[in-house]
Amino acid sequence: MTKHYFAVDGNFGNAEGLVTIDTSDWADDEWFAIDDASDSDRIRVALELAESHDEEVQPKLPGF
C-alpha cells in the first residue's frame, strides 16, 4: 500500500517513514538542533529529542 500525506499548507508527498511528535515542550536550543541537522539526520535528532521528553512517537520506525 502506498501512503501520502496532505497538509493544510498545500504540501504533500510520500508518507513512508512519516511520524508525528508533540513538540509543545521543546526549547529554542532543541529547535536549533533540528534546523542544524542535515536532511538525512533530522529524523534521528527529532526522535532523540522526543525520547528525552518521554514522548510517544507513532508509528515506531524500524531501526530507530
N, C-alpha and C. Protein backbone atom coordinates (compact mmCIF):
# COMPACT_ATOMS: atom_id res chain seq x y z
N MET A 1 0.85 -1.17 0.00
CA MET A 1 0.00 0.00 0.00
C MET A 1 0.90 1.24 0.00
N THR A 2 0.59 2.20 -0.82
CA THR A 2 1.31 3.46 -0.85
C THR A 2 0.51 4.51 -0.09
N LYS A 3 1.20 5.23 0.81
CA LYS A 3 0.53 6.28 1.60
C LYS A 3 1.18 7.62 1.28
N HIS A 4 0.36 8.65 1.24
CA HIS A 4 0.83 10.02 1.04
C HIS A 4 0.24 10.90 2.14
N TYR A 5 0.93 12.01 2.42
CA TYR A 5 0.37 12.98 3.36
C TYR A 5 -0.08 14.21 2.57
N PHE A 6 -1.07 14.91 3.11
CA PHE A 6 -1.59 16.13 2.53
C PHE A 6 -1.75 17.13 3.68
N ALA A 7 -1.05 18.25 3.58
CA ALA A 7 -1.04 19.25 4.66
C ALA A 7 -1.89 20.47 4.26
N VAL A 8 -2.38 21.17 5.28
CA VAL A 8 -3.23 22.33 5.02
C VAL A 8 -2.47 23.46 4.31
N ASP A 9 -1.13 23.45 4.40
CA ASP A 9 -0.36 24.49 3.71
C ASP A 9 -0.12 24.16 2.24
N GLY A 10 -0.70 23.06 1.77
CA GLY A 10 -0.60 22.70 0.37
C GLY A 10 0.49 21.68 0.07
N ASN A 11 1.35 21.40 1.03
CA ASN A 11 2.39 20.40 0.81
C ASN A 11 1.79 19.01 0.79
N PHE A 12 2.43 18.14 0.03
CA PHE A 12 2.05 16.73 0.02
C PHE A 12 3.26 15.93 -0.42
N GLY A 13 3.21 14.64 -0.13
CA GLY A 13 4.31 13.79 -0.54
C GLY A 13 4.14 12.38 -0.02
N ASN A 14 5.14 11.58 -0.27
CA ASN A 14 5.14 10.20 0.19
C ASN A 14 5.23 10.18 1.71
N ALA A 15 4.36 9.43 2.35
CA ALA A 15 4.30 9.40 3.82
C ALA A 15 5.09 8.27 4.43
N GLU A 16 5.88 7.55 3.62
CA GLU A 16 6.70 6.47 4.17
C GLU A 16 7.67 7.05 5.19
N GLY A 17 7.67 6.51 6.39
CA GLY A 17 8.57 6.98 7.44
C GLY A 17 8.10 8.24 8.14
N LEU A 18 6.91 8.71 7.86
CA LEU A 18 6.38 9.92 8.48
C LEU A 18 5.91 9.62 9.90
N VAL A 19 6.34 10.44 10.84
CA VAL A 19 5.88 10.33 12.23
C VAL A 19 5.41 11.70 12.69
N THR A 20 4.59 11.70 13.73
CA THR A 20 4.20 12.96 14.38
C THR A 20 4.72 12.93 15.81
N ILE A 21 5.18 14.10 16.25
CA ILE A 21 5.77 14.23 17.58
C ILE A 21 5.19 15.49 18.23
N ASP A 22 4.80 15.39 19.49
CA ASP A 22 4.35 16.55 20.26
C ASP A 22 5.58 17.37 20.62
N THR A 23 5.70 18.56 20.06
CA THR A 23 6.86 19.42 20.29
C THR A 23 6.55 20.61 21.19
N SER A 24 5.41 20.57 21.86
CA SER A 24 4.98 21.73 22.66
C SER A 24 5.94 22.06 23.79
N ASP A 25 6.74 21.10 24.25
CA ASP A 25 7.68 21.35 25.34
C ASP A 25 9.11 21.59 24.86
N TRP A 26 9.33 21.65 23.57
CA TRP A 26 10.69 21.81 23.06
C TRP A 26 11.17 23.24 23.26
N ALA A 27 12.44 23.37 23.61
CA ALA A 27 13.06 24.68 23.83
C ALA A 27 13.73 25.15 22.53
N ASP A 28 14.12 26.41 22.53
CA ASP A 28 14.75 27.00 21.35
C ASP A 28 16.01 26.24 20.92
N ASP A 29 16.80 25.78 21.89
CA ASP A 29 18.03 25.07 21.52
C ASP A 29 17.73 23.73 20.85
N GLU A 30 16.60 23.13 21.20
CA GLU A 30 16.21 21.88 20.55
C GLU A 30 15.78 22.14 19.11
N TRP A 31 15.07 23.24 18.90
CA TRP A 31 14.70 23.61 17.53
C TRP A 31 15.93 23.97 16.72
N PHE A 32 16.93 24.57 17.36
CA PHE A 32 18.18 24.85 16.66
C PHE A 32 18.83 23.55 16.20
N ALA A 33 18.80 22.52 17.06
CA ALA A 33 19.36 21.22 16.69
C ALA A 33 18.64 20.64 15.49
N ILE A 34 17.32 20.80 15.43
CA ILE A 34 16.54 20.33 14.27
C ILE A 34 16.94 21.09 13.02
N ASP A 35 16.99 22.42 13.14
CA ASP A 35 17.36 23.25 11.99
C ASP A 35 18.78 22.97 11.51
N ASP A 36 19.67 22.67 12.45
CA ASP A 36 21.08 22.46 12.14
C ASP A 36 21.37 21.07 11.59
N ALA A 37 20.48 20.13 11.81
CA ALA A 37 20.69 18.75 11.36
C ALA A 37 20.57 18.66 9.84
N SER A 38 21.36 17.78 9.27
CA SER A 38 21.23 17.53 7.83
C SER A 38 19.90 16.82 7.57
N ASP A 39 19.47 16.86 6.34
CA ASP A 39 18.20 16.19 5.98
C ASP A 39 18.22 14.72 6.40
N SER A 40 19.35 14.06 6.19
CA SER A 40 19.42 12.63 6.49
C SER A 40 19.49 12.35 7.99
N ASP A 41 19.90 13.33 8.81
CA ASP A 41 19.99 13.14 10.26
C ASP A 41 18.79 13.69 11.02
N ARG A 42 17.95 14.48 10.38
CA ARG A 42 16.88 15.20 11.08
C ARG A 42 15.92 14.26 11.80
N ILE A 43 15.53 13.14 11.19
CA ILE A 43 14.61 12.21 11.86
C ILE A 43 15.25 11.62 13.11
N ARG A 44 16.53 11.30 13.04
CA ARG A 44 17.23 10.75 14.22
C ARG A 44 17.26 11.78 15.34
N VAL A 45 17.59 13.02 15.02
CA VAL A 45 17.63 14.09 16.03
C VAL A 45 16.24 14.29 16.64
N ALA A 46 15.22 14.33 15.81
CA ALA A 46 13.85 14.53 16.29
C ALA A 46 13.42 13.39 17.22
N LEU A 47 13.75 12.15 16.84
CA LEU A 47 13.37 11.02 17.67
C LEU A 47 14.14 11.01 18.99
N GLU A 48 15.40 11.42 18.97
CA GLU A 48 16.18 11.52 20.22
C GLU A 48 15.60 12.59 21.13
N LEU A 49 15.21 13.73 20.56
CA LEU A 49 14.59 14.78 21.37
C LEU A 49 13.26 14.32 21.95
N ALA A 50 12.47 13.65 21.15
CA ALA A 50 11.18 13.14 21.64
C ALA A 50 11.40 12.16 22.78
N GLU A 51 12.40 11.29 22.63
CA GLU A 51 12.71 10.32 23.69
C GLU A 51 13.15 11.04 24.96
N SER A 52 13.91 12.11 24.83
CA SER A 52 14.37 12.84 26.02
C SER A 52 13.22 13.52 26.76
N HIS A 53 12.10 13.73 26.06
CA HIS A 53 10.90 14.30 26.68
C HIS A 53 9.88 13.23 27.04
N ASP A 54 10.28 11.97 26.89
CA ASP A 54 9.37 10.83 27.14
C ASP A 54 8.11 10.91 26.29
N GLU A 55 8.25 11.42 25.07
CA GLU A 55 7.12 11.50 24.15
C GLU A 55 6.95 10.18 23.43
N GLU A 56 5.73 9.77 23.26
CA GLU A 56 5.41 8.57 22.49
C GLU A 56 5.36 8.94 21.02
N VAL A 57 6.13 8.27 20.21
CA VAL A 57 6.17 8.53 18.78
C VAL A 57 5.46 7.39 18.06
N GLN A 58 4.52 7.74 17.21
CA GLN A 58 3.79 6.74 16.45
C GLN A 58 3.82 7.12 14.98
N PRO A 59 3.96 6.23 14.10
CA PRO A 59 4.29 4.84 14.36
C PRO A 59 5.77 4.67 14.67
N LYS A 60 6.12 3.56 15.27
CA LYS A 60 7.51 3.25 15.55
C LYS A 60 8.21 2.95 14.23
N LEU A 61 9.40 3.50 14.06
CA LEU A 61 10.15 3.26 12.84
C LEU A 61 11.19 2.18 13.08
N PRO A 62 11.31 1.23 12.19
CA PRO A 62 12.35 0.20 12.36
C PRO A 62 13.73 0.83 12.31
N GLY A 63 14.60 0.41 13.19
CA GLY A 63 15.96 0.90 13.20
C GLY A 63 16.18 2.15 14.02
N PHE A 64 15.13 2.69 14.62
CA PHE A 64 15.29 3.89 15.46
C PHE A 64 14.90 3.60 16.89
